[in-house]
Each structure stands twice: as structure tokens, then as C-alpha cells.
């Protein structure tokens, strides 16, 4: 819980700086922050390094600066990453990037979601479902598709903080509870 509050505060600070610079800069900061966080997450040893308290803030800052140089980011994002290293918050970079992206999406009217089915859907079906959900929501939707055989059938749709579980597994669980209660 504490991590969420702290990551939101850092994201909000960079978001405010980006807003002062303009919408294009604000979006660029978010893209670059996500890129740096993704490069750290892609290497488990880098994640372990930044979480390890045995390494000093200066050592972490040096490694982070190498990553930032490879990503060739804006000076503001580099300074922000330096601040995170100085404060011992580099391990929170992915959470900060996620919070920043959520803020950008909220401003631009984009909602994110995930649709889970028992088997993979073809591209035509995916685009049709996405179009229908966008029409219902009245907003642009970034929809990730996943599979989970344990749901047995149906779908599980997560959009924002709402979940619609129309899976066979959920329906059977409801039936089981009703039988237990004698309904």
C-alpha cells in the first residue's frame, strides 16, 4: 500500500512537470519512463540489483545512468531517474511508470482492459469485440487478450476497476453456493 502512494506521488510530480511543458512533452516523458522500466523488468538481474540494499545509491545511480543513456531520454527524465536513485526508489520505477501511464490515459480518455477466454481468439473476432466495447464505453479502449483454461468457458472482462466474470467456472460456483443454501 505504501509503495502505491509513493509511486503515485513521484508519477504525479513528473506528470505536473510534463503538463507545464506541454502535452507532447508530457506524453514523451511517459513513453520514455515506460521504456526504462521495461528494460529493467526485462533483465531479472537488474531488478534484483536495484532491490538489493547491499549496493549503494551511487552504484545504483551509475547503472541507471547507463540504462538511461542507452534509451537516450529527455534531460528531465534523466534528472527524474537520478532523483529516484538518490532517494533509493529505483526499484519503484515500474510502478511509477504504470501510474504515469494511467494518468496520461485518464487525461486522454483512454481506458485499459483485459479479456480472458478459454482459447485464443482470431484477429477478426478480437477487433470486433474491441470495437463493440469501445462503442459501449464511449471511450478508446486498450484491450489485452489472454487465455485461461481454468475458466472452462465464457469470458472474464476486466475494464478499469470493474470485472465482469461470465465464465462457466463462476456460474458453476454460484450454482454450488445456491445448492448449499437450499435455493
C-alpha atoms as a PDB file:
ATOM      1  CA  UNK A   1       0.000   0.000   0.000  1.00  0.00           C
ATOM      2  CA  UNK A   2       2.799   2.418   0.913  1.00  0.00           C
ATOM      3  CA  UNK A   3       4.513   1.697  -2.414  1.00  0.00           C
ATOM      4  CA  UNK A   4       1.376   2.690  -4.304  1.00  0.00           C
ATOM      5  CA  UNK A   5       1.136   6.029  -2.515  1.00  0.00           C
ATOM      6  CA  UNK A   6       4.823   6.782  -3.048  1.00  0.00           C
ATOM      7  CA  UNK A   7       4.830   5.740  -6.710  1.00  0.00           C
ATOM      8  CA  UNK A   8       1.733   7.865  -7.370  1.00  0.00           C
ATOM      9  CA  UNK A   9       3.403  10.884  -5.771  1.00  0.00           C
ATOM     10  CA  UNK A  10       6.507  10.553  -7.942  1.00  0.00           C
ATOM     11  CA  UNK A  11       4.398   9.951 -11.047  1.00  0.00           C
ATOM     12  CA  UNK A  12       2.202  12.934 -10.207  1.00  0.00           C
ATOM     13  CA  UNK A  13       5.278  15.167  -9.791  1.00  0.00           C
ATOM     14  CA  UNK A  14       6.705  14.228 -13.197  1.00  0.00           C
ATOM     15  CA  UNK A  15       3.219  14.477 -14.704  1.00  0.00           C
ATOM     16  CA  UNK A  16       2.888  18.050 -13.405  1.00  0.00           C
ATOM     17  CA  UNK A  17       6.277  18.986 -14.843  1.00  0.00           C
ATOM     18  CA  UNK A  18       5.260  17.447 -18.174  1.00  0.00           C
ATOM     19  CA  UNK A  19       1.968  19.326 -18.129  1.00  0.00           C
ATOM     20  CA  UNK A  20       3.839  22.588 -17.683  1.00  0.00           C
ATOM     21  CA  UNK A  21       5.998  21.763 -20.719  1.00  0.00           C
ATOM     22  CA  UNK A  22       3.034  20.795 -22.905  1.00  0.00           C
ATOM     23  CA  UNK A  23       1.013  17.770 -23.891  1.00  0.00           C
ATOM     24  CA  UNK A  24       3.609  16.419 -26.338  1.00  0.00           C
ATOM     25  CA  UNK A  25       6.396  16.573 -23.762  1.00  0.00           C
ATOM     26  CA  UNK A  26       4.131  15.008 -21.157  1.00  0.00           C
ATOM     27  CA  UNK A  27       3.411  12.044 -23.420  1.00  0.00           C
ATOM     28  CA  UNK A  28       7.097  11.737 -24.343  1.00  0.00           C
ATOM     29  CA  UNK A  29       8.097  11.603 -20.666  1.00  0.00           C
ATOM     30  CA  UNK A  30       5.625   8.786 -20.117  1.00  0.00           C
ATOM     31  CA  UNK A  31       6.872   6.777 -23.109  1.00  0.00           C
ATOM     32  CA  UNK A  32      10.480   7.161 -22.014  1.00  0.00           C
ATOM     33  CA  UNK A  33       9.696   6.240 -18.417  1.00  0.00           C
ATOM     34  CA  UNK A  34       7.864   3.109 -19.575  1.00  0.00           C
ATOM     35  CA  UNK A  35      10.797   2.201 -21.843  1.00  0.00           C
ATOM     36  CA  UNK A  36      13.319   2.455 -18.997  1.00  0.00           C
ATOM     37  CA  UNK A  37      11.076   0.463 -16.658  1.00  0.00           C
ATOM     38  CA  UNK A  38      10.606  -2.214 -19.344  1.00  0.00           C
ATOM     39  CA  UNK A  39      14.358  -2.535 -19.867  1.00  0.00           C
ATOM     40  CA  UNK A  40      14.848  -3.068 -16.127  1.00  0.00           C
ATOM     41  CA  UNK A  41      11.996  -5.591 -15.934  1.00  0.00           C
ATOM     42  CA  UNK A  42      13.353  -7.469 -18.961  1.00  0.00           C
ATOM     43  CA  UNK A  43      16.523  -8.316 -17.034  1.00  0.00           C
ATOM     44  CA  UNK A  44      15.761 -10.097 -13.735  1.00  0.00           C
ATOM     45  CA  UNK A  45      19.329  -9.494 -12.562  1.00  0.00           C
ATOM     46  CA  UNK A  46      18.819  -5.730 -12.980  1.00  0.00           C
ATOM     47  CA  UNK A  47      15.640  -5.885 -10.914  1.00  0.00           C
ATOM     48  CA  UNK A  48      17.467  -7.850  -8.215  1.00  0.00           C
ATOM     49  CA  UNK A  49      20.356  -5.364  -8.306  1.00  0.00           C
ATOM     50  CA  UNK A  50      18.125  -2.342  -7.743  1.00  0.00           C
ATOM     51  CA  UNK A  51      16.252  -4.068  -4.906  1.00  0.00           C
ATOM     52  CA  UNK A  52      19.450  -5.181  -3.161  1.00  0.00           C
ATOM     53  CA  UNK A  53      20.281  -2.901  -0.199  1.00  0.00           C
ATOM     54  CA  UNK A  54      23.922  -4.038  -0.273  1.00  0.00           C
ATOM     55  CA  UNK A  55      24.583  -1.725  -3.219  1.00  0.00           C
ATOM     56  CA  UNK A  56      24.928   1.987  -2.539  1.00  0.00           C
ATOM     57  CA  UNK A  57      22.787   4.686  -4.089  1.00  0.00           C
ATOM     58  CA  UNK A  58      25.800   5.809  -6.141  1.00  0.00           C
ATOM     59  CA  UNK A  59      26.293   2.316  -7.597  1.00  0.00           C
ATOM     60  CA  UNK A  60      22.612   2.094  -8.480  1.00  0.00           C
ATOM     61  CA  UNK A  61      22.724   5.585  -9.960  1.00  0.00           C
ATOM     62  CA  UNK A  62      25.694   4.635 -12.164  1.00  0.00           C
ATOM     63  CA  UNK A  63      23.918   1.567 -13.547  1.00  0.00           C
ATOM     64  CA  UNK A  64      20.686   3.504 -14.027  1.00  0.00           C
ATOM     65  CA  UNK A  65      22.570   6.244 -15.880  1.00  0.00           C
ATOM     66  CA  UNK A  66      23.935   3.634 -18.293  1.00  0.00           C
ATOM     67  CA  UNK A  67      20.384   2.424 -18.975  1.00  0.00           C
ATOM     68  CA  UNK A  68      19.151   5.986 -19.407  1.00  0.00           C
ATOM     69  CA  UNK A  69      21.978   6.811 -21.847  1.00  0.00           C
ATOM     70  CA  UNK A  70      21.142   3.762 -23.975  1.00  0.00           C
ATOM     71  CA  UNK A  71      17.489   4.829 -24.053  1.00  0.00           C
ATOM     72  CA  UNK A  72      18.508   8.401 -24.998  1.00  0.00           C
ATOM     73  CA  UNK A  73      15.818  10.137 -22.974  1.00  0.00           C
ATOM     74  CA  UNK A  74      14.963  13.769 -22.342  1.00  0.00           C
ATOM     75  CA  UNK A  75      17.088  15.587 -19.736  1.00  0.00           C
ATOM     76  CA  UNK A  76      14.038  15.912 -17.465  1.00  0.00           C
ATOM     77  CA  UNK A  77      13.513  12.132 -17.427  1.00  0.00           C
ATOM     78  CA  UNK A  78      17.240  11.612 -16.768  1.00  0.00           C
ATOM     79  CA  UNK A  79      17.076  14.041 -13.840  1.00  0.00           C
ATOM     80  CA  UNK A  80      13.977  12.267 -12.568  1.00  0.00           C
ATOM     81  CA  UNK A  81      15.788   8.912 -12.685  1.00  0.00           C
ATOM     82  CA  UNK A  82      18.746  10.467 -10.851  1.00  0.00           C
ATOM     83  CA  UNK A  83      16.351  11.695  -8.175  1.00  0.00           C
ATOM     84  CA  UNK A  84      14.907   8.187  -7.810  1.00  0.00           C
ATOM     85  CA  UNK A  85      18.421   6.765  -7.424  1.00  0.00           C
ATOM     86  CA  UNK A  86      19.366   9.413  -4.857  1.00  0.00           C
ATOM     87  CA  UNK A  87      16.233   8.668  -2.837  1.00  0.00           C
ATOM     88  CA  UNK A  88      16.623   4.871  -3.076  1.00  0.00           C
ATOM     89  CA  UNK A  89      13.440   4.487  -5.125  1.00  0.00           C
ATOM     90  CA  UNK A  90      14.760   2.942  -8.356  1.00  0.00           C
ATOM     91  CA  UNK A  91      13.010  -0.359  -7.632  1.00  0.00           C
ATOM     92  CA  UNK A  92       9.710   1.541  -7.831  1.00  0.00           C
ATOM     93  CA  UNK A  93      10.351   2.731 -11.388  1.00  0.00           C
ATOM     94  CA  UNK A  94       7.925   0.269 -12.992  1.00  0.00           C
ATOM     95  CA  UNK A  95       5.153   1.218 -10.545  1.00  0.00           C
ATOM     96  CA  UNK A  96       5.833   4.908 -11.174  1.00  0.00           C
ATOM     97  CA  UNK A  97       5.759   4.346 -14.951  1.00  0.00           C
ATOM     98  CA  UNK A  98       2.477   2.441 -14.606  1.00  0.00           C
ATOM     99  CA  UNK A  99       0.925   5.233 -12.523  1.00  0.00           C
ATOM    100  CA  UNK A 100       2.173   7.832 -15.008  1.00  0.00           C
ATOM    101  CA  UNK A 101       0.641   5.904 -17.912  1.00  0.00           C
ATOM    102  CA  UNK A 102      -2.658   5.696 -16.022  1.00  0.00           C
ATOM    103  CA  UNK A 103      -2.615   9.480 -15.575  1.00  0.00           C
ATOM    104  CA  UNK A 104      -1.921  10.036 -19.283  1.00  0.00           C
ATOM    105  CA  UNK A 105      -4.735   7.621 -20.177  1.00  0.00           C
ATOM    106  CA  UNK A 106      -7.152   9.388 -17.840  1.00  0.00           C
ATOM    107  CA  UNK A 107      -6.386  12.759 -19.404  1.00  0.00           C
ATOM    108  CA  UNK A 108      -6.676  11.462 -22.968  1.00  0.00           C
ATOM    109  CA  UNK A 109      -9.846   9.452 -22.282  1.00  0.00           C
ATOM    110  CA  UNK A 110      -8.304   6.008 -22.792  1.00  0.00           C
ATOM    111  CA  UNK A 111      -9.336   3.067 -20.640  1.00  0.00           C
ATOM    112  CA  UNK A 112      -7.443  -0.193 -20.368  1.00  0.00           C
ATOM    113  CA  UNK A 113      -8.877  -3.641 -20.070  1.00  0.00           C
ATOM    114  CA  UNK A 114      -8.248  -7.324 -20.400  1.00  0.00           C
ATOM    115  CA  UNK A 115     -10.429 -10.012 -21.929  1.00  0.00           C
ATOM    116  CA  UNK A 116      -9.744 -13.582 -20.861  1.00  0.00           C
ATOM    117  CA  UNK A 117     -11.164 -16.513 -22.794  1.00  0.00           C
ATOM    118  CA  UNK A 118     -10.596 -20.244 -22.619  1.00  0.00           C
ATOM    119  CA  UNK A 119      -8.907 -20.340 -26.055  1.00  0.00           C
ATOM    120  CA  UNK A 120      -7.180 -17.861 -28.355  1.00  0.00           C
ATOM    121  CA  UNK A 121      -9.458 -15.650 -30.458  1.00  0.00           C
ATOM    122  CA  UNK A 122      -8.712 -14.824 -34.098  1.00  0.00           C
ATOM    123  CA  UNK A 123      -7.835 -11.241 -35.057  1.00  0.00           C
ATOM    124  CA  UNK A 124     -11.222 -10.509 -36.654  1.00  0.00           C
ATOM    125  CA  UNK A 125     -13.053 -11.562 -33.512  1.00  0.00           C
ATOM    126  CA  UNK A 126     -10.680  -9.535 -31.323  1.00  0.00           C
ATOM    127  CA  UNK A 127     -11.198  -6.359 -33.340  1.00  0.00           C
ATOM    128  CA  UNK A 128     -14.985  -6.852 -33.397  1.00  0.00           C
ATOM    129  CA  UNK A 129     -15.120  -7.304 -29.622  1.00  0.00           C
ATOM    130  CA  UNK A 130     -12.864  -4.292 -29.064  1.00  0.00           C
ATOM    131  CA  UNK A 131     -14.984  -2.106 -31.370  1.00  0.00           C
ATOM    132  CA  UNK A 132     -18.202  -3.123 -29.614  1.00  0.00           C
ATOM    133  CA  UNK A 133     -16.733  -2.463 -26.155  1.00  0.00           C
ATOM    134  CA  UNK A 134     -15.403   0.943 -27.285  1.00  0.00           C
ATOM    135  CA  UNK A 135     -18.870   1.831 -28.589  1.00  0.00           C
ATOM    136  CA  UNK A 136     -20.465   0.829 -25.286  1.00  0.00           C
ATOM    137  CA  UNK A 137     -17.897   2.689 -23.194  1.00  0.00           C
ATOM    138  CA  UNK A 138     -17.807   5.733 -25.440  1.00  0.00           C
ATOM    139  CA  UNK A 139     -14.021   5.888 -25.000  1.00  0.00           C
ATOM    140  CA  UNK A 140     -10.919   4.493 -26.644  1.00  0.00           C
ATOM    141  CA  UNK A 141     -10.043   1.107 -25.175  1.00  0.00           C
ATOM    142  CA  UNK A 142      -6.646  -0.541 -24.917  1.00  0.00           C
ATOM    143  CA  UNK A 143      -7.655  -4.174 -24.640  1.00  0.00           C
ATOM    144  CA  UNK A 144      -5.252  -7.001 -23.875  1.00  0.00           C
ATOM    145  CA  UNK A 145      -6.356 -10.522 -24.690  1.00  0.00           C
ATOM    146  CA  UNK A 146      -5.416 -13.552 -22.637  1.00  0.00           C
ATOM    147  CA  UNK A 147      -6.338 -17.198 -22.237  1.00  0.00           C
ATOM    148  CA  UNK A 148      -7.028 -19.261 -19.138  1.00  0.00           C
ATOM    149  CA  UNK A 149      -8.238 -22.838 -19.433  1.00  0.00           C
ATOM    150  CA  UNK A 150      -9.342 -22.900 -15.789  1.00  0.00           C
ATOM    151  CA  UNK A 151     -12.406 -20.721 -16.561  1.00  0.00           C
ATOM    152  CA  UNK A 152     -13.811 -23.697 -18.552  1.00  0.00           C
ATOM    153  CA  UNK A 153     -15.776 -21.452 -20.936  1.00  0.00           C
ATOM    154  CA  UNK A 154     -17.235 -17.974 -21.311  1.00  0.00           C
ATOM    155  CA  UNK A 155     -15.243 -14.810 -20.675  1.00  0.00           C
ATOM    156  CA  UNK A 156     -13.769 -12.687 -17.917  1.00  0.00           C
ATOM    157  CA  UNK A 157     -13.626  -8.979 -18.776  1.00  0.00           C
ATOM    158  CA  UNK A 158     -11.640  -6.521 -16.671  1.00  0.00           C
ATOM    159  CA  UNK A 159     -12.012  -2.854 -17.615  1.00  0.00           C
ATOM    160  CA  UNK A 160     -10.557  -0.278 -15.277  1.00  0.00           C
ATOM    161  CA  UNK A 161     -11.524  -1.358 -11.779  1.00  0.00           C
ATOM    162  CA  UNK A 162     -14.585  -3.351 -12.884  1.00  0.00           C
ATOM    163  CA  UNK A 163     -14.664  -7.116 -13.504  1.00  0.00           C
ATOM    164  CA  UNK A 164     -17.385  -8.986 -15.359  1.00  0.00           C
ATOM    165  CA  UNK A 165     -16.982 -12.700 -14.774  1.00  0.00           C
ATOM    166  CA  UNK A 166     -19.221 -14.568 -17.221  1.00  0.00           C
ATOM    167  CA  UNK A 167     -17.126 -17.706 -17.087  1.00  0.00           C
ATOM    168  CA  UNK A 168     -18.516 -21.187 -16.752  1.00  0.00           C
ATOM    169  CA  UNK A 169     -16.377 -21.630 -13.651  1.00  0.00           C
ATOM    170  CA  UNK A 170     -18.070 -18.648 -11.957  1.00  0.00           C
ATOM    171  CA  UNK A 171     -21.533 -19.837 -12.963  1.00  0.00           C
ATOM    172  CA  UNK A 172     -20.836 -23.295 -11.514  1.00  0.00           C
ATOM    173  CA  UNK A 173     -19.583 -21.706  -8.296  1.00  0.00           C
ATOM    174  CA  UNK A 174     -22.807 -19.688  -7.993  1.00  0.00           C
ATOM    175  CA  UNK A 175     -24.853 -22.825  -8.610  1.00  0.00           C
ATOM    176  CA  UNK A 176     -22.856 -24.673  -5.962  1.00  0.00           C
ATOM    177  CA  UNK A 177     -23.479 -21.892  -3.411  1.00  0.00           C
ATOM    178  CA  UNK A 178     -27.208 -21.888  -4.206  1.00  0.00           C
ATOM    179  CA  UNK A 179     -27.409 -25.654  -3.709  1.00  0.00           C
ATOM    180  CA  UNK A 180     -25.593 -25.349  -0.372  1.00  0.00           C
ATOM    181  CA  UNK A 181     -28.102 -22.736   0.785  1.00  0.00           C
ATOM    182  CA  UNK A 182     -31.002 -24.861  -0.385  1.00  0.00           C
ATOM    183  CA  UNK A 183     -32.263 -22.426  -3.016  1.00  0.00           C
END
